[in-house]
Amino acid sequence: MANIKSQKKRILTNEKRRQRNVAVRSRVKTVVKRADQVIAAKDADKAKAEMLAAISEIDRACAKGVIHSNQAARRKSSLQRRYNQMQTGNA
């Protein structure tokens, strides 16, 4: 255990940030999975709404610094590609 007051505070703030990061990552995974399920069901209207919600959640996680901007771009691109394949019927 730390003896220095500032280090004790850092331990507490790091734990708060870790908890926030876990929650945000979990939320991102959930909305992406939900979007994938709707895309797999080939429901175009719901798929567009879910895809936009997932992209918004990914952007929010990126803005908070929970995920790297390149990872956010990769996830959004992958999701968009699956949606476009569903639209064209190649999936």
PDB file of N, CA and C in Angstrom:
ATOM      1  N   MET A   1       0.840  -1.181   0.000  1.00  0.00           N
ATOM      2  CA  MET A   1       0.000   0.000   0.000  1.00  0.00           C
ATOM      3  C   MET A   1       0.884   1.243   0.000  1.00  0.00           C
ATOM      4  N   ALA A   2       0.417   2.250  -0.674  1.00  0.00           N
ATOM      5  CA  ALA A   2       1.197   3.476  -0.808  1.00  0.00           C
ATOM      6  C   ALA A   2       1.223   4.253   0.509  1.00  0.00           C
ATOM      7  N   ASN A   3       2.348   4.935   0.739  1.00  0.00           N
ATOM      8  CA  ASN A   3       2.479   5.791   1.914  1.00  0.00           C
ATOM      9  C   ASN A   3       2.242   7.250   1.567  1.00  0.00           C
ATOM     10  N   ILE A   4       2.463   7.616   0.331  1.00  0.00           N
ATOM     11  CA  ILE A   4       2.397   9.008  -0.088  1.00  0.00           C
ATOM     12  C   ILE A   4       0.944   9.368  -0.403  1.00  0.00           C
ATOM     13  N   LYS A   5       0.550  10.524   0.076  1.00  0.00           N
ATOM     14  CA  LYS A   5      -0.847  10.954  -0.059  1.00  0.00           C
ATOM     15  C   LYS A   5      -1.281  11.038  -1.524  1.00  0.00           C
ATOM     16  N   SER A   6      -0.435  11.613  -2.370  1.00  0.00           N
ATOM     17  CA  SER A   6      -0.793  11.754  -3.790  1.00  0.00           C
ATOM     18  C   SER A   6      -0.927  10.387  -4.466  1.00  0.00           C
ATOM     19  N   GLN A   7      -0.108   9.433  -4.051  1.00  0.00           N
ATOM     20  CA  GLN A   7      -0.198   8.095  -4.638  1.00  0.00           C
ATOM     21  C   GLN A   7      -1.474   7.386  -4.185  1.00  0.00           C
ATOM     22  N   LYS A   8      -1.883   7.619  -2.946  1.00  0.00           N
ATOM     23  CA  LYS A   8      -3.146   7.050  -2.471  1.00  0.00           C
ATOM     24  C   LYS A   8      -4.306   7.582  -3.304  1.00  0.00           C
ATOM     25  N   LYS A   9      -4.255   8.883  -3.617  1.00  0.00           N
ATOM     26  CA  LYS A   9      -5.295   9.481  -4.453  1.00  0.00           C
ATOM     27  C   LYS A   9      -5.253   8.893  -5.857  1.00  0.00           C
ATOM     28  N   ARG A  10      -4.056   8.701  -6.411  1.00  0.00           N
ATOM     29  CA  ARG A  10      -3.924   8.118  -7.750  1.00  0.00           C
ATOM     30  C   ARG A  10      -4.525   6.711  -7.794  1.00  0.00           C
ATOM     31  N   ILE A  11      -4.338   5.946  -6.751  1.00  0.00           N
ATOM     32  CA  ILE A  11      -4.908   4.595  -6.690  1.00  0.00           C
ATOM     33  C   ILE A  11      -6.424   4.669  -6.769  1.00  0.00           C
ATOM     34  N   LEU A  12      -7.021   5.618  -6.029  1.00  0.00           N
ATOM     35  CA  LEU A  12      -8.476   5.767  -6.039  1.00  0.00           C
ATOM     36  C   LEU A  12      -8.981   6.233  -7.400  1.00  0.00           C
ATOM     37  N   THR A  13      -8.310   7.233  -7.990  1.00  0.00           N
ATOM     38  CA  THR A  13      -8.777   7.751  -9.281  1.00  0.00           C
ATOM     39  C   THR A  13      -8.575   6.730 -10.389  1.00  0.00           C
ATOM     40  N   ASN A  14      -7.484   5.969 -10.307  1.00  0.00           N
ATOM     41  CA  ASN A  14      -7.261   4.924 -11.318  1.00  0.00           C
ATOM     42  C   ASN A  14      -8.360   3.871 -11.273  1.00  0.00           C
ATOM     43  N   GLU A  15      -8.800   3.526 -10.088  1.00  0.00           N
ATOM     44  CA  GLU A  15      -9.872   2.538  -9.964  1.00  0.00           C
ATOM     45  C   GLU A  15     -11.182   3.084 -10.527  1.00  0.00           C
ATOM     46  N   LYS A  16     -11.465   4.376 -10.279  1.00  0.00           N
ATOM     47  CA  LYS A  16     -12.670   4.991 -10.838  1.00  0.00           C
ATOM     48  C   LYS A  16     -12.627   4.972 -12.365  1.00  0.00           C
ATOM     49  N   ARG A  17     -11.479   5.312 -12.924  1.00  0.00           N
ATOM     50  CA  ARG A  17     -11.330   5.329 -14.380  1.00  0.00           C
ATOM     51  C   ARG A  17     -11.450   3.917 -14.960  1.00  0.00           C
ATOM     52  N   ARG A  18     -10.865   2.942 -14.251  1.00  0.00           N
ATOM     53  CA  ARG A  18     -10.951   1.556 -14.710  1.00  0.00           C
ATOM     54  C   ARG A  18     -12.402   1.090 -14.758  1.00  0.00           C
ATOM     55  N   GLN A  19     -13.150   1.410 -13.709  1.00  0.00           N
ATOM     56  CA  GLN A  19     -14.566   1.034 -13.666  1.00  0.00           C
ATOM     57  C   GLN A  19     -15.327   1.682 -14.814  1.00  0.00           C
ATOM     58  N   ARG A  20     -15.056   2.972 -15.072  1.00  0.00           N
ATOM     59  CA  ARG A  20     -15.720   3.671 -16.174  1.00  0.00           C
ATOM     60  C   ARG A  20     -15.363   3.031 -17.505  1.00  0.00           C
ATOM     61  N   ASN A  21     -14.081   2.716 -17.689  1.00  0.00           N
ATOM     62  CA  ASN A  21     -13.625   2.129 -18.944  1.00  0.00           C
ATOM     63  C   ASN A  21     -14.277   0.771 -19.192  1.00  0.00           C
ATOM     64  N   VAL A  22     -14.392  -0.028 -18.147  1.00  0.00           N
ATOM     65  CA  VAL A  22     -15.030  -1.344 -18.267  1.00  0.00           C
ATOM     66  C   VAL A  22     -16.483  -1.174 -18.702  1.00  0.00           C
ATOM     67  N   ALA A  23     -17.177  -0.221 -18.092  1.00  0.00           N
ATOM     68  CA  ALA A  23     -18.591   0.000 -18.409  1.00  0.00           C
ATOM     69  C   ALA A  23     -18.752   0.485 -19.852  1.00  0.00           C
ATOM     70  N   VAL A  24     -17.893   1.401 -20.274  1.00  0.00           N
ATOM     71  CA  VAL A  24     -18.000   1.950 -21.623  1.00  0.00           C
ATOM     72  C   VAL A  24     -17.688   0.877 -22.659  1.00  0.00           C
ATOM     73  N   ARG A  25     -16.620   0.084 -22.428  1.00  0.00           N
ATOM     74  CA  ARG A  25     -16.276  -0.995 -23.363  1.00  0.00           C
ATOM     75  C   ARG A  25     -17.407  -2.007 -23.477  1.00  0.00           C
ATOM     76  N   SER A  26     -18.010  -2.326 -22.335  1.00  0.00           N
ATOM     77  CA  SER A  26     -19.117  -3.278 -22.325  1.00  0.00           C
ATOM     78  C   SER A  26     -20.298  -2.741 -23.128  1.00  0.00           C
ATOM     79  N   ARG A  27     -20.595  -1.459 -22.962  1.00  0.00           N
ATOM     80  CA  ARG A  27     -21.710  -0.849 -23.686  1.00  0.00           C
ATOM     81  C   ARG A  27     -21.453  -0.855 -25.188  1.00  0.00           C
ATOM     82  N   VAL A  28     -20.209  -0.586 -25.573  1.00  0.00           N
ATOM     83  CA  VAL A  28     -19.850  -0.607 -27.000  1.00  0.00           C
ATOM     84  C   VAL A  28     -20.051  -2.013 -27.562  1.00  0.00           C
ATOM     85  N   LYS A  29     -19.549  -3.018 -26.839  1.00  0.00           N
ATOM     86  CA  LYS A  29     -19.694  -4.395 -27.311  1.00  0.00           C
ATOM     87  C   LYS A  29     -21.160  -4.783 -27.449  1.00  0.00           C
ATOM     88  N   THR A  30     -21.985  -4.357 -26.494  1.00  0.00           N
ATOM     89  CA  THR A  30     -23.402  -4.703 -26.510  1.00  0.00           C
ATOM     90  C   THR A  30     -24.104  -4.107 -27.724  1.00  0.00           C
ATOM     91  N   VAL A  31     -23.880  -2.812 -27.990  1.00  0.00           N
ATOM     92  CA  VAL A  31     -24.577  -2.195 -29.120  1.00  0.00           C
ATOM     93  C   VAL A  31     -24.078  -2.734 -30.455  1.00  0.00           C
ATOM     94  N   VAL A  32     -22.799  -3.088 -30.536  1.00  0.00           N
ATOM     95  CA  VAL A  32     -22.275  -3.668 -31.776  1.00  0.00           C
ATOM     96  C   VAL A  32     -22.881  -5.049 -32.001  1.00  0.00           C
ATOM     97  N   LYS A  33     -22.973  -5.854 -30.944  1.00  0.00           N
ATOM     98  CA  LYS A  33     -23.590  -7.179 -31.069  1.00  0.00           C
ATOM     99  C   LYS A  33     -25.052  -7.064 -31.494  1.00  0.00           C
ATOM    100  N   ARG A  34     -25.755  -6.104 -30.903  1.00  0.00           N
ATOM    101  CA  ARG A  34     -27.163  -5.902 -31.251  1.00  0.00           C
ATOM    102  C   ARG A  34     -27.295  -5.495 -32.718  1.00  0.00           C
ATOM    103  N   ALA A  35     -26.421  -4.614 -33.171  1.00  0.00           N
ATOM    104  CA  ALA A  35     -26.439  -4.192 -34.571  1.00  0.00           C
ATOM    105  C   ALA A  35     -26.133  -5.372 -35.487  1.00  0.00           C
ATOM    106  N   ASP A  36     -25.171  -6.203 -35.099  1.00  0.00           N
ATOM    107  CA  ASP A  36     -24.827  -7.381 -35.911  1.00  0.00           C
ATOM    108  C   ASP A  36     -26.002  -8.352 -36.012  1.00  0.00           C
ATOM    109  N   GLN A  37     -26.722  -8.519 -34.915  1.00  0.00           N
ATOM    110  CA  GLN A  37     -27.872  -9.430 -34.927  1.00  0.00           C
ATOM    111  C   GLN A  37     -28.953  -8.926 -35.875  1.00  0.00           C
ATOM    112  N   VAL A  38     -29.205  -7.629 -35.854  1.00  0.00           N
ATOM    113  CA  VAL A  38     -30.232  -7.054 -36.733  1.00  0.00           C
ATOM    114  C   VAL A  38     -29.771  -7.129 -38.185  1.00  0.00           C
ATOM    115  N   ILE A  39     -28.479  -6.885 -38.420  1.00  0.00           N
ATOM    116  CA  ILE A  39     -27.940  -6.988 -39.783  1.00  0.00           C
ATOM    117  C   ILE A  39     -28.062  -8.425 -40.277  1.00  0.00           C
ATOM    118  N   ALA A  40     -27.780  -9.402 -39.411  1.00  0.00           N
ATOM    119  CA  ALA A  40     -27.886 -10.810 -39.796  1.00  0.00           C
ATOM    120  C   ALA A  40     -29.336 -11.177 -40.116  1.00  0.00           C
ATOM    121  N   ALA A  41     -30.290 -10.519 -39.441  1.00  0.00           N
ATOM    122  CA  ALA A  41     -31.706 -10.781 -39.691  1.00  0.00           C
ATOM    123  C   ALA A  41     -32.197 -10.085 -40.960  1.00  0.00           C
ATOM    124  N   LYS A  42     -31.345  -9.234 -41.535  1.00  0.00           N
ATOM    125  CA  LYS A  42     -31.630  -8.522 -42.789  1.00  0.00           C
ATOM    126  C   LYS A  42     -32.852  -7.607 -42.691  1.00  0.00           C
ATOM    127  N   ASP A  43     -32.995  -6.945 -41.557  1.00  0.00           N
ATOM    128  CA  ASP A  43     -34.057  -5.950 -41.379  1.00  0.00           C
ATOM    129  C   ASP A  43     -33.435  -4.573 -41.611  1.00  0.00           C
ATOM    130  N   ALA A  44     -33.644  -4.012 -42.793  1.00  0.00           N
ATOM    131  CA  ALA A  44     -32.918  -2.812 -43.222  1.00  0.00           C
ATOM    132  C   ALA A  44     -33.194  -1.598 -42.334  1.00  0.00           C
ATOM    133  N   ASP A  45     -34.446  -1.362 -41.969  1.00  0.00           N
ATOM    134  CA  ASP A  45     -34.776  -0.175 -41.175  1.00  0.00           C
ATOM    135  C   ASP A  45     -34.164  -0.244 -39.777  1.00  0.00           C
ATOM    136  N   LYS A  46     -34.370  -1.388 -39.116  1.00  0.00           N
ATOM    137  CA  LYS A  46     -33.806  -1.559 -37.780  1.00  0.00           C
ATOM    138  C   LYS A  46     -32.288  -1.571 -37.837  1.00  0.00           C
ATOM    139  N   ALA A  47     -31.743  -2.173 -38.894  1.00  0.00           N
ATOM    140  CA  ALA A  47     -30.291  -2.275 -39.019  1.00  0.00           C
ATOM    141  C   ALA A  47     -29.660  -0.891 -39.105  1.00  0.00           C
ATOM    142  N   LYS A  48     -30.271  -0.010 -39.876  1.00  0.00           N
ATOM    143  CA  LYS A  48     -29.725   1.356 -40.006  1.00  0.00           C
ATOM    144  C   LYS A  48     -29.745   2.063 -38.654  1.00  0.00           C
ATOM    145  N   ALA A  49     -30.860   1.954 -37.927  1.00  0.00           N
ATOM    146  CA  ALA A  49     -30.978   2.603 -36.624  1.00  0.00           C
ATOM    147  C   ALA A  49     -29.963   2.033 -35.632  1.00  0.00           C
ATOM    148  N   GLU A  50     -29.828   0.712 -35.601  1.00  0.00           N
ATOM    149  CA  GLU A  50     -28.883   0.077 -34.678  1.00  0.00           C
ATOM    150  C   GLU A  50     -27.444   0.409 -35.046  1.00  0.00           C
ATOM    151  N   MET A  51     -27.163   0.459 -36.362  1.00  0.00           N
ATOM    152  CA  MET A  51     -25.818   0.780 -36.814  1.00  0.00           C
ATOM    153  C   MET A  51     -25.449   2.199 -36.394  1.00  0.00           C
ATOM    154  N   LEU A  52     -26.368   3.145 -36.570  1.00  0.00           N
ATOM    155  CA  LEU A  52     -26.103   4.524 -36.178  1.00  0.00           C
ATOM    156  C   LEU A  52     -25.915   4.643 -34.661  1.00  0.00           C
ATOM    157  N   ALA A  53     -26.691   3.890 -33.900  1.00  0.00           N
ATOM    158  CA  ALA A  53     -26.540   3.896 -32.445  1.00  0.00           C
ATOM    159  C   ALA A  53     -25.179   3.337 -32.043  1.00  0.00           C
ATOM    160  N   ALA A  54     -24.755   2.271 -32.725  1.00  0.00           N
ATOM    161  CA  ALA A  54     -23.454   1.671 -32.422  1.00  0.00           C
ATOM    162  C   ALA A  54     -22.321   2.624 -32.771  1.00  0.00           C
ATOM    163  N   ILE A  55     -22.426   3.282 -33.919  1.00  0.00           N
ATOM    164  CA  ILE A  55     -21.387   4.239 -34.326  1.00  0.00           C
ATOM    165  C   ILE A  55     -21.314   5.386 -33.326  1.00  0.00           C
ATOM    166  N   SER A  56     -22.459   5.853 -32.866  1.00  0.00           N
ATOM    167  CA  SER A  56     -22.492   6.924 -31.879  1.00  0.00           C
ATOM    168  C   SER A  56     -21.809   6.488 -30.582  1.00  0.00           C
ATOM    169  N   GLU A  57     -22.077   5.269 -30.155  1.00  0.00           N
ATOM    170  CA  GLU A  57     -21.485   4.751 -28.916  1.00  0.00           C
ATOM    171  C   GLU A  57     -19.971   4.577 -29.075  1.00  0.00           C
ATOM    172  N   ILE A  58     -19.544   4.123 -30.236  1.00  0.00           N
ATOM    173  CA  ILE A  58     -18.110   3.974 -30.503  1.00  0.00           C
ATOM    174  C   ILE A  58     -17.431   5.339 -30.470  1.00  0.00           C
ATOM    175  N   ASP A  59     -18.056   6.335 -31.100  1.00  0.00           N
ATOM    176  CA  ASP A  59     -17.500   7.690 -31.092  1.00  0.00           C
ATOM    177  C   ASP A  59     -17.409   8.244 -29.675  1.00  0.00           C
ATOM    178  N   ARG A  60     -18.417   7.958 -28.870  1.00  0.00           N
ATOM    179  CA  ARG A  60     -18.424   8.437 -27.487  1.00  0.00           C
ATOM    180  C   ARG A  60     -17.278   7.807 -26.694  1.00  0.00           C
ATOM    181  N   ALA A  61     -17.058   6.508 -26.898  1.00  0.00           N
ATOM    182  CA  ALA A  61     -15.964   5.820 -26.204  1.00  0.00           C
ATOM    183  C   ALA A  61     -14.615   6.384 -26.642  1.00  0.00           C
ATOM    184  N   CYS A  62     -14.502   6.700 -27.923  1.00  0.00           N
ATOM    185  CA  CYS A  62     -13.267   7.278 -28.449  1.00  0.00           C
ATOM    186  C   CYS A  62     -13.035   8.667 -27.866  1.00  0.00           C
ATOM    187  N   ALA A  63     -14.080   9.465 -27.771  1.00  0.00           N
ATOM    188  CA  ALA A  63     -13.967  10.814 -27.232  1.00  0.00           C
ATOM    189  C   ALA A  63     -13.543  10.793 -25.763  1.00  0.00           C
ATOM    190  N   LYS A  64     -13.992   9.779 -25.020  1.00  0.00           N
ATOM    191  CA  LYS A  64     -13.622   9.658 -23.617  1.00  0.00           C
ATOM    192  C   LYS A  64     -12.227   9.085 -23.440  1.00  0.00           C
ATOM    193  N   GLY A  65     -11.641   8.613 -24.530  1.00  0.00           N
ATOM    194  CA  GLY A  65     -10.298   8.057 -24.449  1.00  0.00           C
ATOM    195  C   GLY A  65     -10.275   6.612 -24.014  1.00  0.00           C
ATOM    196  N   VAL A  66     -11.418   5.961 -24.031  1.00  0.00           N
ATOM    197  CA  VAL A  66     -11.483   4.564 -23.607  1.00  0.00           C
ATOM    198  C   VAL A  66     -10.905   3.656 -24.688  1.00  0.00           C
ATOM    199  N   ILE A  67     -11.204   3.960 -25.954  1.00  0.00           N
ATOM    200  CA  ILE A  67     -10.610   3.208 -27.054  1.00  0.00           C
ATOM    201  C   ILE A  67      -9.846   4.182 -27.945  1.00  0.00           C
ATOM    202  N   HIS A  68      -8.855   3.670 -28.625  1.00  0.00           N
ATOM    203  CA  HIS A  68      -8.014   4.486 -29.497  1.00  0.00           C
ATOM    204  C   HIS A  68      -8.803   4.885 -30.744  1.00  0.00           C
ATOM    205  N   SER A  69      -8.443   6.003 -31.320  1.00  0.00           N
ATOM    206  CA  SER A  69      -9.179   6.504 -32.485  1.00  0.00           C
ATOM    207  C   SER A  69      -9.079   5.546 -33.666  1.00  0.00           C
ATOM    208  N   ASN A  70      -7.941   4.874 -33.834  1.00  0.00           N
ATOM    209  CA  ASN A  70      -7.806   3.907 -34.922  1.00  0.00           C
ATOM    210  C   ASN A  70      -8.712   2.699 -34.694  1.00  0.00           C
ATOM    211  N   GLN A  71      -8.818   2.268 -33.453  1.00  0.00           N
ATOM    212  CA  GLN A  71      -9.712   1.150 -33.152  1.00  0.00           C
ATOM    213  C   GLN A  71     -11.161   1.551 -33.405  1.00  0.00           C
ATOM    214  N   ALA A  72     -11.511   2.765 -33.046  1.00  0.00           N
ATOM    215  CA  ALA A  72     -12.876   3.245 -33.285  1.00  0.00           C
ATOM    216  C   ALA A  72     -13.158   3.271 -34.781  1.00  0.00           C
ATOM    217  N   ALA A  73     -12.213   3.772 -35.554  1.00  0.00           N
ATOM    218  CA  ALA A  73     -12.391   3.832 -37.008  1.00  0.00           C
ATOM    219  C   ALA A  73     -12.523   2.427 -37.587  1.00  0.00           C
ATOM    220  N   ARG A  74     -11.716   1.498 -37.091  1.00  0.00           N
ATOM    221  CA  ARG A  74     -11.763   0.125 -37.591  1.00  0.00           C
ATOM    222  C   ARG A  74     -13.113  -0.532 -37.273  1.00  0.00           C
ATOM    223  N   ARG A  75     -13.598  -0.325 -36.061  1.00  0.00           N
ATOM    224  CA  ARG A  75     -14.891  -0.912 -35.674  1.00  0.00           C
ATOM    225  C   ARG A  75     -16.038  -0.323 -36.489  1.00  0.00           C
ATOM    226  N   LYS A  76     -16.009   0.986 -36.682  1.00  0.00           N
ATOM    227  CA  LYS A  76     -17.069   1.631 -37.465  1.00  0.00           C
ATOM    228  C   LYS A  76     -17.025   1.168 -38.915  1.00  0.00           C
ATOM    229  N   SER A  77     -15.825   1.063 -39.471  1.00  0.00           N
ATOM    230  CA  SER A  77     -15.667   0.623 -40.851  1.00  0.00           C
ATOM    231  C   SER A  77     -16.176  -0.805 -41.033  1.00  0.00           C
ATOM    232  N   SER A  78     -15.826  -1.662 -40.108  1.00  0.00           N
ATOM    233  CA  SER A  78     -16.253  -3.055 -40.167  1.00  0.00           C
ATOM    234  C   SER A  78     -17.775  -3.164 -40.088  1.00  0.00           C
ATOM    235  N   LEU A  79     -18.366  -2.410 -39.186  1.00  0.00           N
ATOM    236  CA  LEU A  79     -19.817  -2.413 -39.028  1.00  0.00           C
ATOM    237  C   LEU A  79     -20.497  -1.888 -40.284  1.00  0.00           C
ATOM    238  N   GLN A  80     -19.973  -0.802 -40.829  1.00  0.00           N
ATOM    239  CA  GLN A  80     -20.530  -0.209 -42.045  1.00  0.00           C
ATOM    240  C   GLN A  80     -20.423  -1.183 -43.219  1.00  0.00           C
ATOM    241  N   ARG A  81     -19.298  -1.898 -43.295  1.00  0.00           N
ATOM    242  CA  ARG A  81     -19.099  -2.864 -44.381  1.00  0.00           C
ATOM    243  C   ARG A  81     -20.126  -4.002 -44.298  1.00  0.00           C
ATOM    244  N   ARG A  82     -20.358  -4.510 -43.092  1.00  0.00           N
ATOM    245  CA  ARG A  82     -21.363  -5.575 -42.931  1.00  0.00           C
ATOM    246  C   ARG A  82     -22.757  -5.070 -43.295  1.00  0.00           C
ATOM    247  N   TYR A  83     -23.046  -3.824 -42.913  1.00  0.00           N
ATOM    248  CA  TYR A  83     -24.352  -3.236 -43.232  1.00  0.00           C
ATOM    249  C   TYR A  83     -24.502  -3.101 -44.766  1.00  0.00           C
ATOM    250  N   ASN A  84     -23.459  -2.614 -45.438  1.00  0.00           N
ATOM    251  CA  ASN A  84     -23.508  -2.450 -46.882  1.00  0.00           C
ATOM    252  C   ASN A  84     -23.651  -3.789 -47.608  1.00  0.00           C
ATOM    253  N   GLN A  85     -22.979  -4.821 -47.102  1.00  0.00           N
ATOM    254  CA  GLN A  85     -23.125  -6.155 -47.692  1.00  0.00           C
ATOM    255  C   GLN A  85     -24.553  -6.662 -47.534  1.00  0.00           C
ATOM    256  N   MET A  86     -25.161  -6.369 -46.389  1.00  0.00           N
ATOM    257  CA  MET A  86     -26.550  -6.767 -46.163  1.00  0.00           C
ATOM    258  C   MET A  86     -27.469  -6.026 -47.152  1.00  0.00           C
ATOM    259  N   GLN A  87     -27.171  -4.754 -47.384  1.00  0.00           N
ATOM    260  CA  GLN A  87     -27.986  -3.943 -48.301  1.00  0.00           C
ATOM    261  C   GLN A  87     -27.906  -4.486 -49.742  1.00  0.00           C
ATOM    262  N   THR A  88     -26.706  -4.855 -50.175  1.00  0.00           N
ATOM    263  CA  THR A  88     -26.537  -5.333 -51.549  1.00  0.00           C
ATOM    264  C   THR A  88     -26.900  -6.807 -51.703  1.00  0.00           C
ATOM    265  N   GLY A  89     -26.998  -7.517 -50.592  1.00  0.00           N
ATOM    266  CA  GLY A  89     -27.380  -8.927 -50.657  1.00  0.00           C
ATOM    267  C   GLY A  89     -26.224  -9.874 -50.881  1.00  0.00           C
ATOM    268  N   ASN A  90     -24.989  -9.410 -50.668  1.00  0.00           N
ATOM    269  CA  ASN A  90     -23.827 -10.278 -50.860  1.00  0.00           C
ATOM    270  C   ASN A  90     -23.493 -11.099 -49.629  1.00  0.00           C
ATOM    271  N   ALA A  91     -24.092 -10.788 -48.523  1.00  0.00           N
ATOM    272  CA  ALA A  91     -23.727 -11.466 -47.273  1.00  0.00           C
ATOM    273  C   ALA A  91     -24.368 -12.832 -47.175  1.00  0.00           C
TER     274      ALA A  91
END
